[in-house]
Amino acid sequence: MITSPPYFNQREYGAPGGVGNEETLAVYLDNLLRLFAECVRYCGRWKHRLEYRR
């Protein structure tokens, strides 16, 4: 679903209030955690798993 979330405070993508443009690093990380938790919840409907293999 997400291949590369935006870096914190590095670029302005033209949409105010987007991920990466938060006021603090703590708020940015909280937003990312909520976003990924929602992705996991959504994928769970089809029993998909998140995996990382080297």
N, C-alpha and C. Protein backbone atom coordinates (compact mmCIF):
# COMPACT_ATOMS: atom_id res chain seq x y z
N MET A 1 0.80 -1.19 0.00
CA MET A 1 0.00 0.00 0.00
C MET A 1 0.85 1.26 0.00
N ILE A 2 1.86 1.28 0.87
CA ILE A 2 2.72 2.46 0.97
C ILE A 2 4.14 2.00 0.73
N THR A 3 4.76 2.58 -0.25
CA THR A 3 6.12 2.17 -0.53
C THR A 3 7.14 3.13 0.04
N SER A 4 6.77 4.38 0.15
CA SER A 4 7.73 5.37 0.63
C SER A 4 6.99 6.56 1.23
N PRO A 5 6.73 6.52 2.54
CA PRO A 5 6.05 7.67 3.14
C PRO A 5 6.94 8.90 3.08
N PRO A 6 6.36 10.08 3.03
CA PRO A 6 7.17 11.30 2.94
C PRO A 6 8.03 11.52 4.17
N TYR A 7 9.19 12.09 3.95
CA TYR A 7 10.07 12.45 5.06
C TYR A 7 9.46 13.59 5.85
N PHE A 8 9.84 13.69 7.10
CA PHE A 8 9.35 14.76 7.96
C PHE A 8 9.98 16.09 7.55
N ASN A 9 9.13 17.05 7.26
CA ASN A 9 9.55 18.44 7.02
C ASN A 9 10.59 18.61 5.91
N GLN A 10 10.53 17.80 4.86
CA GLN A 10 11.51 17.89 3.79
C GLN A 10 10.94 18.51 2.52
N ARG A 11 9.69 18.22 2.21
CA ARG A 11 9.10 18.72 0.97
C ARG A 11 7.67 19.17 1.19
N GLU A 12 7.27 20.10 0.39
CA GLU A 12 5.88 20.57 0.37
C GLU A 12 5.26 20.00 -0.90
N TYR A 13 4.25 19.15 -0.76
CA TYR A 13 3.65 18.48 -1.91
C TYR A 13 2.44 19.23 -2.46
N GLY A 14 2.18 20.40 -1.96
CA GLY A 14 1.09 21.20 -2.51
C GLY A 14 -0.23 21.08 -1.77
N ALA A 15 -0.36 20.08 -0.93
CA ALA A 15 -1.59 19.91 -0.15
C ALA A 15 -1.30 20.27 1.29
N PRO A 16 -1.92 21.31 1.79
CA PRO A 16 -1.66 21.69 3.19
C PRO A 16 -2.12 20.60 4.16
N GLY A 17 -1.34 20.41 5.20
CA GLY A 17 -1.71 19.44 6.23
C GLY A 17 -1.43 18.00 5.88
N GLY A 18 -0.68 17.76 4.84
CA GLY A 18 -0.37 16.39 4.46
C GLY A 18 0.67 15.75 5.37
N VAL A 19 0.78 14.43 5.29
CA VAL A 19 1.78 13.71 6.07
C VAL A 19 3.16 14.20 5.67
N GLY A 20 3.97 14.49 6.68
CA GLY A 20 5.31 15.01 6.44
C GLY A 20 5.42 16.49 6.71
N ASN A 21 4.29 17.17 6.79
CA ASN A 21 4.28 18.61 7.03
C ASN A 21 3.78 18.98 8.43
N GLU A 22 3.84 18.04 9.36
CA GLU A 22 3.38 18.30 10.72
C GLU A 22 4.31 19.28 11.43
N GLU A 23 3.80 19.85 12.49
CA GLU A 23 4.57 20.84 13.26
C GLU A 23 5.75 20.23 14.01
N THR A 24 5.58 19.00 14.52
CA THR A 24 6.64 18.37 15.31
C THR A 24 6.89 16.95 14.83
N LEU A 25 8.06 16.44 15.16
CA LEU A 25 8.41 15.06 14.82
C LEU A 25 7.47 14.08 15.53
N ALA A 26 7.11 14.38 16.76
CA ALA A 26 6.22 13.50 17.52
C ALA A 26 4.86 13.36 16.83
N VAL A 27 4.32 14.44 16.33
CA VAL A 27 3.02 14.40 15.63
C VAL A 27 3.16 13.63 14.32
N TYR A 28 4.26 13.84 13.61
CA TYR A 28 4.53 13.12 12.36
C TYR A 28 4.56 11.61 12.62
N LEU A 29 5.31 11.18 13.63
CA LEU A 29 5.42 9.75 13.94
C LEU A 29 4.08 9.18 14.38
N ASP A 30 3.32 9.93 15.15
CA ASP A 30 2.00 9.49 15.58
C ASP A 30 1.09 9.30 14.37
N ASN A 31 1.14 10.22 13.42
CA ASN A 31 0.33 10.10 12.20
C ASN A 31 0.73 8.88 11.39
N LEU A 32 2.03 8.62 11.27
CA LEU A 32 2.49 7.44 10.53
C LEU A 32 2.04 6.15 11.22
N LEU A 33 2.14 6.10 12.54
CA LEU A 33 1.72 4.91 13.27
C LEU A 33 0.23 4.65 13.08
N ARG A 34 -0.57 5.69 13.13
CA ARG A 34 -2.01 5.52 12.91
C ARG A 34 -2.30 5.07 11.47
N LEU A 35 -1.57 5.63 10.52
CA LEU A 35 -1.76 5.26 9.12
C LEU A 35 -1.41 3.80 8.88
N PHE A 36 -0.26 3.36 9.40
CA PHE A 36 0.14 1.96 9.22
C PHE A 36 -0.79 1.01 9.97
N ALA A 37 -1.27 1.40 11.14
CA ALA A 37 -2.22 0.56 11.88
C ALA A 37 -3.50 0.36 11.07
N GLU A 38 -3.94 1.40 10.40
CA GLU A 38 -5.14 1.29 9.56
C GLU A 38 -4.87 0.38 8.37
N CYS A 39 -3.68 0.44 7.79
CA CYS A 39 -3.33 -0.45 6.68
C CYS A 39 -3.35 -1.91 7.12
N VAL A 40 -2.78 -2.18 8.30
CA VAL A 40 -2.76 -3.54 8.84
C VAL A 40 -4.19 -4.02 9.09
N ARG A 41 -5.02 -3.16 9.66
CA ARG A 41 -6.41 -3.52 9.91
C ARG A 41 -7.14 -3.84 8.61
N TYR A 42 -6.93 -3.02 7.60
CA TYR A 42 -7.59 -3.21 6.31
C TYR A 42 -7.14 -4.50 5.63
N CYS A 43 -5.84 -4.75 5.62
CA CYS A 43 -5.31 -5.95 4.97
C CYS A 43 -5.72 -7.22 5.71
N GLY A 44 -5.97 -7.10 7.00
CA GLY A 44 -6.37 -8.25 7.79
C GLY A 44 -7.67 -8.88 7.32
N ARG A 45 -8.48 -8.12 6.61
CA ARG A 45 -9.75 -8.66 6.10
C ARG A 45 -9.50 -9.85 5.17
N TRP A 46 -8.38 -9.82 4.47
CA TRP A 46 -8.07 -10.89 3.52
C TRP A 46 -6.93 -11.77 4.02
N LYS A 47 -6.60 -11.66 5.28
CA LYS A 47 -5.55 -12.47 5.91
C LYS A 47 -4.18 -12.23 5.31
N HIS A 48 -3.96 -11.05 4.78
CA HIS A 48 -2.63 -10.70 4.30
C HIS A 48 -1.72 -10.44 5.49
N ARG A 49 -0.43 -10.69 5.30
CA ARG A 49 0.54 -10.42 6.36
C ARG A 49 1.59 -9.48 5.84
N LEU A 50 2.14 -8.70 6.73
CA LEU A 50 3.26 -7.85 6.39
C LEU A 50 4.53 -8.65 6.63
N GLU A 51 5.39 -8.73 5.63
CA GLU A 51 6.62 -9.50 5.77
C GLU A 51 7.79 -8.72 5.21
N TYR A 52 8.93 -8.96 5.80
CA TYR A 52 10.18 -8.42 5.28
C TYR A 52 11.17 -9.55 5.27
N ARG A 53 11.74 -9.81 4.13
CA ARG A 53 12.75 -10.87 4.02
C ARG A 53 13.99 -10.32 3.36
N ARG A 54 15.12 -10.76 3.86
CA ARG A 54 16.39 -10.34 3.25
C ARG A 54 16.79 -11.29 2.17
